[in-house]
Amino acid sequence: MFTIRRLANPTGLRFALVLLLFPWIACSRQNETNPPDNELTGAVESSRKKVYRILVLGDSLTEGYGVSTEQAYPSLLERRLNEDNSFVNLRFKVINAGVTGSTTSGGLSRLDWHLKSCPDLMILALGGNDGLRGLDLAATRTNLSQMIDRAQEKNVRILLAGMKLPPNYGKKYSEDFENLFSKIAGEKQVSFLPFLLEGVGGKASMNLPDRIHPNPDGHRRISETLFRKLRELLPSS
C-alpha cells in the first residue's frame, strides 16, 4: 500500500496519481500492441535500413488523376522498390509531389518547399502541360534547367522524364518539344528517361476515357518503366 498526502493544489494530486500509475499503463499498452516475434524482427530489420527518399515532381499524371492514391505510379513504384531483393540495405520512400494542371513554372515555384523533404533523388516529370498549352518552349527549357540546378545545389540526383505531344500540334513544335528534354539532360549531365508514358501514351487500354490520363493498368506500366530505369541508377547490395 502507499499513501498520498493531500495537496493544496488538486492538479498536483492528479499529476502524482498519473506518475504512480504510469508504469502500469505503459506496460498494459505494450502488451496490447506488441507484434508477433516474426513481425517484430521484420520491423527491426527494416528500421536498420537507410531510408532513400525519391521525390516525384509532376502534374496530374503523377498525382494520379482519376485513380486512387494507391493506384498512382508513385505508390506502385515505392512498393516495387521495397519488394526488390537487390536493395537489401535500403528502404524506399517515394514522395508524390504531383499537382493537377501544373506547368514547369508551377513546379519551379513550389520546388523549394518540396526539397525540405530532403530527397536523395528527384524524378522531374513536368512539361506535358506546357506543351499541351502551346507555351513558349524557351521558358519551359529555362524552368526545367533551374529546377535541376536548385535540386543539384542540395546534392539531389536527377532523373529527367521526357514527354511527347500528339501530332496535331504541328511537326516542328512537337519535335522541338520532344527534343528539349534530351538536350537539357545532356547539358546538365543528368539521367534521362526518353518518354514517361512509354507503352501508355495513345493506347486506349492504358488510359481513362479522356485518352489523356492513365488508368490503373497505365500507372502499373509507368511504375515498371521507372523501376527498370532506377535499377540502373540506385545503389544496390
Foldseek 3Di string as FASTA:
>chain_A
DDDDDDDPDVVVVVVVVCVVCVVVVVVVVCVVPPDPPVVVVVVVQQVQAAEAEEEEAEECQLCPPPADNCLAQQNVLQVVVQPDQQASRYRYDYHRNYYHPDALVNSLVCLVVVCVVVHQEYEYYHHPNCLVVVHDVVVSLVSVLVSVVVCVVSNHAYEYEFDFDPCVSDDVSRVVRLVSRVVSCVVSVHHYHSHLQVVQQPDPVQPDPVSPHGDSNSSNVSSVSVNVSVVVPDDTD
